[in-house]
Protein backbone atom coordinates (compact mmCIF):
# COMPACT_ATOMS: atom_id res chain seq x y z
CA MET A 1 3.77 6.11 7.09
CA ILE A 2 0.29 7.48 7.70
CA LEU A 3 -2.78 5.51 8.80
CA ASP A 4 -6.21 7.14 8.80
CA SER A 5 -9.81 6.87 7.64
CA LEU A 6 -10.70 7.69 4.03
CA GLN A 7 -13.12 10.31 5.36
CA ASN A 8 -10.09 12.20 6.77
CA ALA A 9 -8.03 11.90 3.57
CA GLY A 10 -8.48 15.59 2.82
CA LEU A 11 -6.06 16.34 5.63
CA TYR A 12 -3.24 14.82 3.55
CA GLU A 13 -4.03 16.11 0.04
CA THR A 14 -1.48 18.91 0.21
CA ILE A 15 1.45 16.58 0.97
CA HIS A 16 1.79 15.58 -2.68
CA PRO A 17 0.28 17.16 -5.84
CA ARG A 18 -1.34 13.86 -6.93
CA PHE A 19 -2.85 12.91 -3.56
CA LYS A 20 -6.09 14.85 -4.11
CA GLN A 21 -6.85 12.95 -7.32
CA ALA A 22 -5.93 9.65 -5.65
CA PHE A 23 -8.13 10.28 -2.61
CA ASP A 24 -11.02 11.60 -4.74
CA PHE A 25 -10.91 8.31 -6.63
CA LEU A 26 -10.91 6.27 -3.41
CA ARG A 27 -13.70 8.31 -1.76
CA ASN A 28 -15.98 8.62 -4.80
CA THR A 29 -15.76 5.08 -6.18
CA ASP A 30 -17.64 1.96 -5.14
CA LEU A 31 -14.52 0.03 -4.20
CA MET A 32 -16.40 -3.26 -3.85
CA ALA A 33 -17.64 -2.99 -7.45
CA LEU A 34 -14.24 -2.33 -9.01
CA PRO A 35 -13.01 -5.09 -11.31
CA LEU A 36 -9.64 -6.66 -10.64
CA GLY A 37 -6.76 -5.16 -12.58
CA LYS A 38 -4.99 -1.88 -13.22
CA ILE A 39 -6.90 1.41 -13.44
CA GLU A 40 -4.95 4.32 -14.90
CA LEU A 41 -5.83 7.62 -13.28
CA ASP A 42 -2.96 9.69 -14.76
CA GLY A 43 -0.88 7.29 -16.82
CA SER A 44 2.23 6.05 -15.01
CA ASN A 45 2.04 9.04 -12.63
CA LEU A 46 -0.99 7.69 -10.78
CA PHE A 47 -2.76 4.35 -11.06
CA ALA A 48 -4.63 1.84 -8.95
CA ASN A 49 -4.09 -1.89 -8.76
CA VAL A 50 -7.18 -3.80 -7.67
CA PHE A 51 -6.50 -7.39 -6.69
CA GLU A 52 -7.31 -10.27 -4.41
CA ILE A 53 -4.70 -11.36 -1.94
CA THR A 54 -4.30 -14.67 -0.20
CA GLY A 55 -3.53 -13.93 3.41
CA LYS A 56 -0.09 -14.62 4.80
CA THR A 57 1.34 -15.02 8.26
CA VAL A 58 3.84 -12.64 9.81
CA ASP A 59 6.52 -15.20 8.96
CA THR A 60 5.57 -15.59 5.29
CA ALA A 61 4.66 -11.98 4.38
CA LYS A 62 7.59 -10.25 2.69
CA LEU A 63 8.96 -6.90 3.79
CA GLU A 64 9.36 -4.50 0.87
CA THR A 65 10.20 -0.96 -0.23
CA HIS A 66 9.62 1.05 -3.39
CA ASN A 67 11.93 3.70 -4.83
CA ARG A 68 9.71 5.50 -7.35
CA TYR A 69 6.18 5.19 -5.96
CA ILE A 70 4.24 5.97 -2.82
CA ASP A 71 1.65 3.31 -1.91
CA ILE A 72 -1.83 4.15 -0.72
CA GLN A 73 -3.09 0.75 0.46
CA VAL A 74 -6.79 0.17 1.16
CA PRO A 75 -8.27 -3.15 2.28
CA VAL A 76 -11.72 -3.51 0.75
CA THR A 77 -13.37 -6.63 2.16
CA ASP A 78 -11.63 -7.29 5.49
CA ALA A 79 -9.07 -5.91 7.90
CA GLU A 80 -5.45 -6.49 7.02
CA THR A 81 -2.43 -6.38 9.28
CA MET A 82 0.62 -4.62 7.87
CA GLY A 83 4.09 -4.38 9.31
CA TRP A 84 6.26 -1.28 9.22
CA ILE A 85 9.92 -0.47 9.80
CA ALA A 86 11.93 2.67 9.02
CA GLY A 87 13.83 2.21 5.78
CA VAL A 88 17.08 3.31 7.44
CA ASP A 89 16.82 0.25 9.69
CA LEU A 90 16.63 -2.22 6.81
CA LYS A 91 19.87 -4.18 6.52
CA GLU A 92 19.25 -7.54 4.84
CA ILE A 93 18.15 -7.51 1.19
CA SER A 94 16.60 -10.82 0.18
CA GLU A 95 15.76 -9.83 -3.43
CA GLU A 96 17.59 -6.98 -5.18
CA TYR A 97 15.67 -4.00 -6.53
CA LYS A 98 13.58 -4.80 -9.61
CA PRO A 99 13.08 -1.51 -11.50
CA GLU A 100 10.29 -2.90 -13.70
CA LYS A 101 8.22 -3.59 -10.56
CA ASP A 102 9.80 -0.86 -8.40
CA ILE A 103 10.35 -3.25 -5.50
CA THR A 104 13.07 -4.50 -3.19
CA PHE A 105 12.44 -7.31 -0.70
CA PHE A 106 14.12 -7.63 2.68
CA ALA A 107 14.66 -10.45 5.17
CA ASP A 108 14.42 -7.96 8.06
CA LYS A 109 11.37 -8.01 10.33
CA ALA A 110 8.89 -5.19 10.86
CA SER A 111 9.19 -3.31 14.15
CA THR A 112 5.54 -2.25 14.32
CA PHE A 113 2.29 -3.86 13.20
CA LEU A 114 -0.99 -2.10 12.47
CA THR A 115 -4.46 -3.20 11.57
CA VAL A 116 -5.98 -1.44 8.57
CA ASN A 117 -9.75 -1.81 8.24
CA PRO A 118 -11.96 -1.32 5.17
CA ASN A 119 -12.51 2.42 4.56
CA GLU A 120 -9.10 3.15 6.07
CA PHE A 121 -5.86 3.71 4.21
CA VAL A 122 -2.17 3.53 4.91
CA LEU A 123 0.40 5.63 3.05
CA PHE A 124 3.81 4.04 2.62
CA PHE A 125 6.52 6.37 1.34
CA PRO A 126 9.80 5.16 -0.22
CA GLU A 127 11.38 5.59 3.23
CA ASP A 128 8.96 3.05 4.73
CA GLY A 129 9.67 -0.65 4.83
CA HIS A 130 6.29 -2.36 4.83
CA GLN A 131 5.02 -5.91 5.14
CA PRO A 132 1.46 -6.09 3.77
CA GLY A 133 -0.91 -9.02 3.34
CA ILE A 134 -1.03 -10.39 6.87
CA CYS A 135 -4.57 -11.74 7.16
CA GLU A 136 -6.61 -14.91 6.78
CA GLY A 137 -8.21 -16.19 3.60
CA GLN A 138 -8.86 -14.23 0.44
CA GLN A 139 -9.60 -10.54 0.38
CA LYS A 140 -9.89 -7.70 -2.07
CA LYS A 141 -7.60 -4.70 -1.77
CA ILE A 142 -6.54 -1.63 -3.69
CA VAL A 143 -3.08 -0.15 -3.91
CA VAL A 144 -2.90 3.28 -5.49
CA LYS A 145 0.60 3.97 -6.81
CA VAL A 146 1.67 7.64 -6.76
CA LEU A 147 4.84 8.59 -8.63
CA VAL A 148 7.20 10.39 -6.29
């Protein structure tokens, strides 16, 4: 898991061959003006999902992992709290892996919580259990999916 400002994203571009394209998109696009929906950047290798979330509480937000994709999550309109736990510490699957959505849900609880502000990003790797969407009201966010 990595949390930083979009202006520092260049520090992480060499970690994965598709990160530069992903971060160029996030830095050079008016994120507020993006329409809701899926934006393909490199087919199924790299795409962005732009959506509105309805905030959840710590108790109602689900903890999840992905097997095939790395998430780059960016709140657009407001800060969002996200939970994190090392994947090796996840023990209680609540919904089995769904390959079509690349997601597994867990009943475990996050061990750490962080606040991610607009113009910041968090990288969640397949090894990271994460619990996004902890906030109040409606807000716009972007999740860039990077094929491992």
